[in-house]
Protein backbone atom coordinates (compact mmCIF):
# COMPACT_ATOMS: atom_id res chain seq x y z
CA MET A 1 6.43 11.02 18.72
CA ASP A 2 7.47 7.99 20.70
CA ALA A 3 11.02 8.32 22.04
CA ARG A 4 11.83 4.90 20.59
CA ASP A 5 11.16 6.15 17.06
CA PRO A 6 14.43 5.92 15.06
CA ALA A 7 13.81 9.38 13.64
CA THR A 8 13.81 11.02 17.07
CA ALA A 9 17.59 11.47 17.15
CA ALA A 10 17.38 13.54 13.96
CA MET A 11 14.72 15.83 15.44
CA GLN A 12 16.36 17.50 18.44
CA ALA A 13 15.08 20.90 19.55
CA LEU A 14 17.27 23.87 18.69
CA PRO A 15 17.65 27.29 20.36
CA HIS A 16 15.49 30.28 19.47
CA MET A 17 16.28 33.06 17.03
CA PRO A 18 14.79 36.56 17.15
CA THR A 19 11.03 36.55 16.54
CA ASP A 20 11.29 38.40 13.20
CA ALA A 21 13.16 35.55 11.54
CA GLY A 22 9.91 34.09 10.14
CA PRO A 23 8.32 30.66 10.48
CA PRO A 24 10.54 27.60 10.73
CA VAL A 25 11.46 25.68 7.60
CA TYR A 26 11.22 21.88 7.38
CA ALA A 27 12.58 19.58 4.70
CA ALA A 28 12.15 15.93 3.75
CA LEU A 29 14.20 13.97 1.23
CA ASP A 30 13.23 10.55 -0.14
CA LEU A 31 15.76 8.49 -2.11
CA GLY A 32 13.94 5.56 -3.68
CA THR A 33 14.70 2.88 -6.21
CA ASN A 34 13.58 5.08 -9.11
CA ASN A 35 13.32 8.67 -7.90
CA CYS A 36 14.98 11.28 -5.71
CA ARG A 37 12.47 13.70 -4.20
CA LEU A 38 12.90 16.75 -1.96
CA LEU A 39 10.16 18.82 -0.33
CA VAL A 40 10.71 22.01 1.69
CA ALA A 41 7.82 23.62 3.56
CA THR A 42 6.67 25.84 6.41
CA PRO A 43 3.74 25.10 8.76
CA LEU A 44 0.33 26.39 7.73
CA ASN A 45 -2.66 25.77 10.00
CA ARG A 46 -2.73 21.98 10.49
CA GLY A 47 -0.79 21.35 7.29
CA PHE A 48 2.08 23.04 5.48
CA ARG A 49 2.93 25.37 2.62
CA VAL A 50 5.46 24.11 0.09
CA ILE A 51 8.22 26.62 -0.62
CA ASP A 52 10.50 24.42 -2.70
CA SER A 53 10.46 20.97 -4.26
CA PHE A 54 12.64 18.84 -6.48
CA SER A 55 12.14 15.49 -8.15
CA ARG A 56 14.36 13.59 -10.54
CA MET A 57 14.26 10.05 -11.90
CA VAL A 58 17.66 8.55 -10.97
CA ARG A 59 16.99 4.79 -11.40
CA LEU A 60 19.20 3.98 -8.43
CA GLY A 61 18.02 0.37 -8.52
CA GLU A 62 19.16 -0.21 -12.10
CA GLY A 63 20.54 -3.75 -12.34
CA LEU A 64 20.08 -4.40 -8.61
CA ALA A 65 17.78 -7.39 -9.09
CA SER A 66 20.39 -9.27 -11.13
CA THR A 67 23.60 -8.19 -9.36
CA GLY A 68 22.56 -7.43 -5.78
CA ARG A 69 24.58 -4.19 -6.01
CA LEU A 70 24.09 -0.54 -6.95
CA CYS A 71 25.95 0.08 -10.20
CA GLU A 72 28.34 3.00 -10.61
CA ALA A 73 26.25 4.79 -13.27
CA ALA A 74 23.16 4.67 -11.04
CA MET A 75 25.09 5.96 -8.02
CA GLU A 76 26.48 8.84 -10.09
CA ARG A 77 22.98 9.80 -11.26
CA ALA A 78 21.79 9.79 -7.66
CA LEU A 79 24.78 11.82 -6.49
CA ASP A 80 24.14 14.43 -9.16
CA ALA A 81 20.51 14.75 -8.04
CA LEU A 82 21.51 14.88 -4.38
CA ALA A 83 24.00 17.65 -5.14
CA VAL A 84 21.05 19.69 -6.42
CA CYS A 85 19.15 18.89 -3.22
CA ALA A 86 22.11 19.95 -1.08
CA ASP A 87 22.33 23.24 -2.97
CA ARG A 88 18.63 23.94 -2.47
CA LEU A 89 18.83 23.10 1.20
CA ALA A 90 21.80 25.44 1.60
CA ARG A 91 19.60 28.34 0.46
CA ARG A 92 17.06 27.68 3.23
CA PRO A 93 18.60 26.33 6.45
CA THR A 94 16.03 24.11 8.10
CA ARG A 95 14.54 23.84 11.56
CA ARG A 96 14.29 20.09 11.07
CA PHE A 97 15.37 17.90 8.17
CA ARG A 98 15.10 14.19 7.54
CA ALA A 99 16.45 12.12 4.66
CA VAL A 100 15.39 8.51 4.15
CA ALA A 101 16.41 5.78 1.72
CA THR A 102 14.22 2.79 0.92
CA GLU A 103 14.23 -0.49 -1.01
CA ALA A 104 17.33 -0.07 -3.21
CA CYS A 105 19.60 0.86 -0.31
CA ARG A 106 17.99 -1.77 1.93
CA LYS A 107 18.72 -4.56 -0.52
CA ALA A 108 22.03 -3.58 -2.12
CA SER A 109 25.15 -5.15 -0.66
CA ASN A 110 26.92 -1.81 -1.20
CA GLY A 111 23.98 0.32 -0.04
CA ALA A 112 25.61 1.41 3.24
CA ARG A 113 28.87 2.23 1.47
CA PHE A 114 26.99 4.33 -1.08
CA LEU A 115 25.19 6.31 1.63
CA ALA A 116 28.53 6.94 3.36
CA ARG A 117 29.78 8.33 0.04
CA VAL A 118 26.66 10.52 -0.16
CA ARG A 119 27.39 11.87 3.33
CA GLU A 120 31.01 12.64 2.43
CA THR A 121 30.23 14.38 -0.87
CA THR A 122 26.96 16.22 -0.09
CA GLY A 123 26.76 16.38 3.72
CA ILE A 124 23.36 14.64 3.63
CA ASP A 125 23.01 11.89 6.23
CA PHE A 126 20.46 9.27 5.15
CA GLU A 127 18.54 6.85 7.32
CA VAL A 128 17.47 3.56 5.75
CA ILE A 129 13.90 2.85 6.84
CA GLY A 130 12.04 -0.45 6.86
CA PRO A 131 8.85 -1.41 5.03
CA ARG A 132 6.60 -0.81 8.04
CA GLU A 133 7.71 2.79 8.39
CA GLU A 134 7.28 3.26 4.64
CA ALA A 135 3.68 2.14 5.00
CA GLU A 136 3.11 4.32 8.07
CA LEU A 137 4.52 7.43 6.36
CA ALA A 138 2.30 6.84 3.33
CA VAL A 139 -0.72 6.52 5.62
CA GLU A 140 0.33 9.70 7.43
CA SER A 141 0.51 11.63 4.17
CA CYS A 142 -2.92 10.39 3.06
CA ALA A 143 -4.69 10.96 6.39
CA SER A 144 -6.94 13.71 5.03
CA LEU A 145 -8.09 11.41 2.20
CA LEU A 146 -9.10 8.62 4.57
CA ALA A 147 -12.03 10.49 6.11
CA GLY A 148 -15.11 9.10 4.41
CA PRO A 149 -17.98 6.66 4.63
CA GLU A 150 -15.88 3.50 4.20
CA HIS A 151 -14.83 1.54 7.28
CA ARG A 152 -11.77 -0.03 5.60
CA ALA A 153 -9.16 1.12 3.10
CA LEU A 154 -6.34 -0.56 1.22
CA LEU A 155 -3.48 1.84 0.55
CA PHE A 156 -0.91 0.83 -2.04
CA ASP A 157 2.27 2.43 -3.34
CA ILE A 158 3.74 0.97 -6.53
CA GLY A 159 7.40 1.92 -6.17
CA GLY A 160 10.52 1.26 -8.20
CA GLY A 161 11.74 -1.81 -6.32
CA SER A 162 8.71 -2.85 -4.29
CA THR A 163 4.99 -2.35 -3.79
CA GLU A 164 3.84 -1.39 -0.32
CA LEU A 165 0.42 -2.47 0.92
CA ALA A 166 -1.33 -1.18 4.03
CA TRP A 167 -4.71 -2.54 5.18
CA LEU A 168 -6.40 0.10 7.30
CA ARG A 169 -9.25 0.62 9.66
CA ALA A 170 -10.33 3.85 8.01
CA ARG A 171 -11.06 7.04 9.90
CA ARG A 172 -14.53 8.43 9.72
CA ARG A 173 -15.05 12.16 10.13
CA GLY A 174 -14.50 13.22 13.73
CA GLU A 175 -12.84 9.93 14.71
CA PRO A 176 -9.22 9.18 15.72
CA PRO A 177 -6.58 8.63 12.99
CA SER A 178 -6.67 5.54 10.82
CA GLU A 179 -5.15 2.36 12.21
CA VAL A 180 -2.84 0.05 10.27
CA ILE A 181 -4.23 -3.48 10.60
CA GLY A 182 -1.60 -5.10 8.40
CA TYR A 183 1.11 -4.20 5.93
CA ALA A 184 3.37 -5.91 3.43
CA SER A 185 6.28 -4.96 1.20
CA ILE A 186 6.18 -7.01 -1.99
CA PRO A 187 9.54 -7.03 -3.84
CA MET A 188 7.93 -6.11 -7.14
CA GLY A 189 8.16 -2.59 -8.57
CA VAL A 190 8.27 -0.81 -11.90
CA VAL A 191 12.07 -0.96 -12.21
CA THR A 192 12.38 -4.64 -11.32
CA LEU A 193 9.53 -5.60 -13.65
CA ALA A 194 10.82 -3.43 -16.51
CA GLU A 195 14.25 -5.06 -16.28
CA ARG A 196 12.80 -8.55 -16.04
CA TRP A 197 10.31 -8.29 -18.90
CA GLY A 198 11.93 -5.74 -21.22
CA GLU A 199 10.13 -5.39 -24.56
CA ARG A 200 7.80 -8.26 -23.65
CA ALA A 201 6.03 -5.84 -21.32
CA PHE A 202 4.67 -4.11 -24.45
CA THR A 203 3.09 -7.31 -25.79
CA CYS A 204 -0.30 -8.70 -24.81
CA ASP A 205 1.17 -12.00 -23.63
CA GLY A 206 3.98 -10.32 -21.66
CA PHE A 207 1.59 -7.90 -19.96
CA ALA A 208 -0.78 -10.72 -19.02
CA ALA A 209 2.14 -12.69 -17.55
CA MET A 210 3.24 -9.69 -15.45
CA VAL A 211 -0.30 -9.38 -14.09
CA GLU A 212 -0.36 -13.08 -13.16
CA ASP A 213 2.97 -12.74 -11.36
CA ALA A 214 1.68 -9.77 -9.37
CA VAL A 215 -1.57 -11.54 -8.48
CA ALA A 216 0.41 -14.49 -7.15
CA ALA A 217 2.66 -12.16 -5.11
CA PHE A 218 -0.27 -10.28 -3.55
CA ARG A 219 -2.56 -13.25 -2.89
CA PRO A 220 -0.98 -14.26 0.47
CA PHE A 221 -1.74 -10.77 1.84
CA ASP A 222 -5.37 -11.23 0.83
CA GLU A 223 -5.53 -14.68 2.39
CA ILE A 224 -4.32 -13.28 5.71
CA HIS A 225 -6.65 -10.27 5.84
CA ARG A 226 -9.58 -11.47 3.68
CA ILE A 227 -9.71 -8.13 1.89
CA GLY A 228 -11.62 -9.55 -1.06
CA ASP A 229 -14.34 -10.75 1.29
CA GLU A 230 -14.55 -7.28 2.88
CA ILE A 231 -14.86 -5.70 -0.56
CA GLY A 232 -17.67 -8.11 -1.40
CA ARG A 233 -19.57 -6.78 1.62
CA GLY A 234 -18.92 -3.14 0.62
CA GLY A 235 -17.36 -0.29 2.60
CA VAL A 236 -13.77 -0.58 1.29
CA ARG A 237 -11.85 1.98 -0.74
CA LEU A 238 -8.54 1.70 -2.58
CA ILE A 239 -6.04 4.55 -2.21
CA GLY A 240 -3.04 4.66 -4.55
CA THR A 241 -0.04 6.91 -3.97
CA SER A 242 2.14 5.92 -6.91
CA GLY A 243 3.07 7.55 -10.21
CA THR A 244 1.22 4.73 -11.96
CA VAL A 245 -2.06 5.74 -10.34
CA THR A 246 -1.60 9.47 -10.89
CA THR A 247 -0.89 8.74 -14.57
CA LEU A 248 -4.07 6.67 -14.81
CA ALA A 249 -6.00 9.56 -13.28
CA GLY A 250 -4.53 11.98 -15.83
CA VAL A 251 -5.66 9.67 -18.62
CA ALA A 252 -9.12 9.21 -17.09
CA LEU A 253 -9.54 12.99 -16.82
CA GLY A 254 -8.25 13.59 -20.35
CA LEU A 255 -5.71 16.17 -19.15
CA PRO A 256 -3.58 17.91 -21.81
CA ARG A 257 -0.73 17.89 -19.28
CA TYR A 258 -0.22 16.55 -15.77
CA SER A 259 -1.74 18.71 -13.01
CA ARG A 260 -1.25 17.81 -9.36
CA ALA A 261 -4.02 20.20 -8.31
CA LEU A 262 -6.56 18.29 -10.41
CA ILE A 263 -5.31 14.80 -9.57
CA ASP A 264 -4.37 14.71 -5.88
CA GLY A 265 -7.41 13.56 -3.94
CA HIS A 266 -9.45 12.77 -7.06
CA THR A 267 -11.58 9.64 -6.80
CA LEU A 268 -12.17 7.37 -9.78
CA THR A 269 -14.90 4.80 -10.00
CA GLY A 270 -13.63 1.29 -10.54
CA ALA A 271 -14.95 1.44 -14.13
CA GLU A 272 -13.10 4.72 -14.83
CA ALA A 273 -9.86 3.27 -13.47
CA ASP A 274 -10.22 0.14 -15.59
CA GLU A 275 -11.00 2.17 -18.73
CA ALA A 276 -7.92 4.35 -18.19
CA LEU A 277 -5.83 1.21 -17.70
CA ALA A 278 -7.09 -0.27 -20.97
CA ALA A 279 -6.43 3.02 -22.79
CA LEU A 280 -2.81 3.16 -21.59
CA CYS A 281 -2.17 -0.48 -22.46
CA ALA A 282 -3.50 0.09 -25.98
CA LEU A 283 -1.08 2.94 -26.75
CA GLY A 284 2.09 0.89 -27.19
CA ARG A 285 5.58 2.34 -26.80
CA PRO A 286 5.23 5.17 -29.41
CA GLY A 287 1.85 6.27 -28.07
CA LEU A 288 3.05 6.26 -24.45
CA ALA A 289 6.09 8.36 -25.39
CA ARG A 290 3.81 10.99 -26.96
CA HIS A 291 1.21 11.00 -24.19
CA PRO A 292 1.34 14.27 -22.15
CA CYS A 293 0.90 12.42 -18.84
CA VAL A 294 3.70 9.93 -19.60
CA GLY A 295 6.49 11.14 -21.89
CA PRO A 296 9.60 9.39 -23.21
CA GLY A 297 11.42 9.34 -19.86
CA ARG A 298 8.84 7.08 -18.21
CA VAL A 299 7.77 4.85 -21.09
CA GLU A 300 9.49 1.66 -19.94
CA PHE A 301 7.99 1.88 -16.43
CA VAL A 302 4.34 2.64 -17.23
CA LEU A 303 3.14 -0.80 -18.33
CA PRO A 304 4.91 -2.66 -15.50
CA GLY A 305 3.15 -0.29 -13.09
CA CYS A 306 -0.14 -0.85 -14.91
CA ALA A 307 0.34 -4.61 -14.55
CA VAL A 308 0.69 -4.24 -10.80
CA PHE A 309 -2.39 -2.02 -10.71
CA ALA A 310 -4.33 -4.52 -12.82
CA ALA A 311 -3.43 -7.26 -10.32
CA ILE A 312 -4.63 -5.09 -7.44
CA ARG A 313 -7.90 -4.42 -9.23
CA ARG A 314 -8.36 -8.13 -10.01
CA LEU A 315 -7.86 -9.21 -6.41
CA TRP A 316 -9.54 -6.20 -4.81
CA PRO A 317 -12.21 -4.72 -7.15
CA ALA A 318 -13.36 -1.93 -4.84
CA ALA A 319 -16.00 0.48 -6.12
CA ARG A 320 -13.73 3.52 -5.72
CA VAL A 321 -10.05 4.31 -6.20
CA THR A 322 -8.74 7.51 -4.60
CA VAL A 323 -5.61 8.98 -6.18
CA ALA A 324 -2.96 10.60 -3.98
CA ASP A 325 -0.05 12.60 -5.38
CA ARG A 326 1.78 12.44 -2.07
CA GLY A 327 3.92 9.96 -0.20
CA LEU A 328 6.95 9.62 2.07
CA ARG A 329 8.06 13.25 1.87
CA GLU A 330 4.68 14.57 2.94
CA GLY A 331 4.44 11.98 5.71
CA MET A 332 7.87 12.97 7.03
CA LEU A 333 7.01 16.67 6.99
CA ILE A 334 3.79 16.05 8.91
CA ARG A 335 5.71 14.09 11.56
CA LEU A 336 8.48 16.66 11.84
CA MET A 337 6.01 19.52 12.26
CA ARG A 338 3.84 17.60 14.70
CA ALA A 339 6.90 17.06 16.90
CA ASP A 340 7.30 20.84 17.07
CA ARG A 341 3.65 21.81 17.35
CA GLY A 342 3.13 23.98 20.37
CA ARG A 343 6.86 24.60 20.82
CA TRP A 344 7.42 27.46 18.46
CA ASN A 345 3.95 29.13 18.44
CA GLY A 346 5.05 31.73 15.94
CA ARG A 347 8.57 32.02 17.32
CA ALA A 348 11.32 31.13 14.91
CA HIS A 349 14.30 28.96 15.80
CA ARG A 350 17.90 28.80 14.83
CA PRO A 351 18.00 26.83 11.57
CA ARG A 352 19.83 23.56 11.27
CA PRO A 353 23.04 23.99 9.26
CA ALA A 354 22.42 23.01 5.66
CA PRO A 355 24.32 20.15 4.08
CA ALA A 356 27.38 21.14 2.14
CA ALA A 357 27.10 21.27 -1.64
CA ARG A 358 28.89 18.54 -3.55
CA PRO A 359 32.36 19.70 -4.58
CA PRO A 360 32.88 20.12 -8.32
CA ALA A 361 34.43 17.21 -10.18
CA ALA A 362 38.14 17.44 -10.72
């Protein structure tokens, strides 16, 4: 990794332990606008083996679009989830650990103050990353899915507070890694849209209006890179890394319950993706709450995400959509392990001290 990378300071080499201590443990924590996600893993061949994971919807960005601040209830939800993460990390001291925060903490006027509070109460030190690194980490995590016949790919991540777009020169088998030609962070995500449109998101007119808004927001990116023209000539694939896209895949496959093993890396035809989108939109609030791939906790965010996806499909109707149940955490782990590759060679290292657990409330 380049020494100028802002993550380098958090990735310093540590002394060795006895060789029987086992392989090193790595951890990555992503605090987004909607979710808090932790992944703990050990190296395995050129990838990794997950030994622990945690994900919780915290809605950190609740009310942010209207107030410009993180509200107290949202911060408390995030702190509760991060206390769980700190406890899990304490059980497995890590060789290297990185925690990043994204759109909500970037935009909130009290974002830095909140992260200082997180550090004081949990011991977890977060780094706020910019949109470009978000896009690069998503590309890193999806590298194995980019090897194919297409010469271009559009990777998109429909997040809570923003949608990240990365236009790529795709890697063919045996070639160097994919290259990011252009990227954009569009301040439009499932939380911001859900708060803006409310119950109107469940109406035909409201959904259509959300789609039009998203098309207008994405069109400048297309005008710069002429992605629609490239798609017209063939050789372009869409890759989606968001919960919206994994839900659509679950619907397309008719799964009785969500299964990462069946969804991650699955490729839908454009027609299959559009049919799944229509099926979700037709369910309405009660039907979405009962659906095994949605559930009551995610109902208000599904149709806003579908509206963003519908806009992407309208502007960029590629023949194939590859679904990735992976993202920033996986990209961080790959980077952390690559930095160590060749250093440990089976030798274990002294683990990094785990963050302290959050003290109990008085």
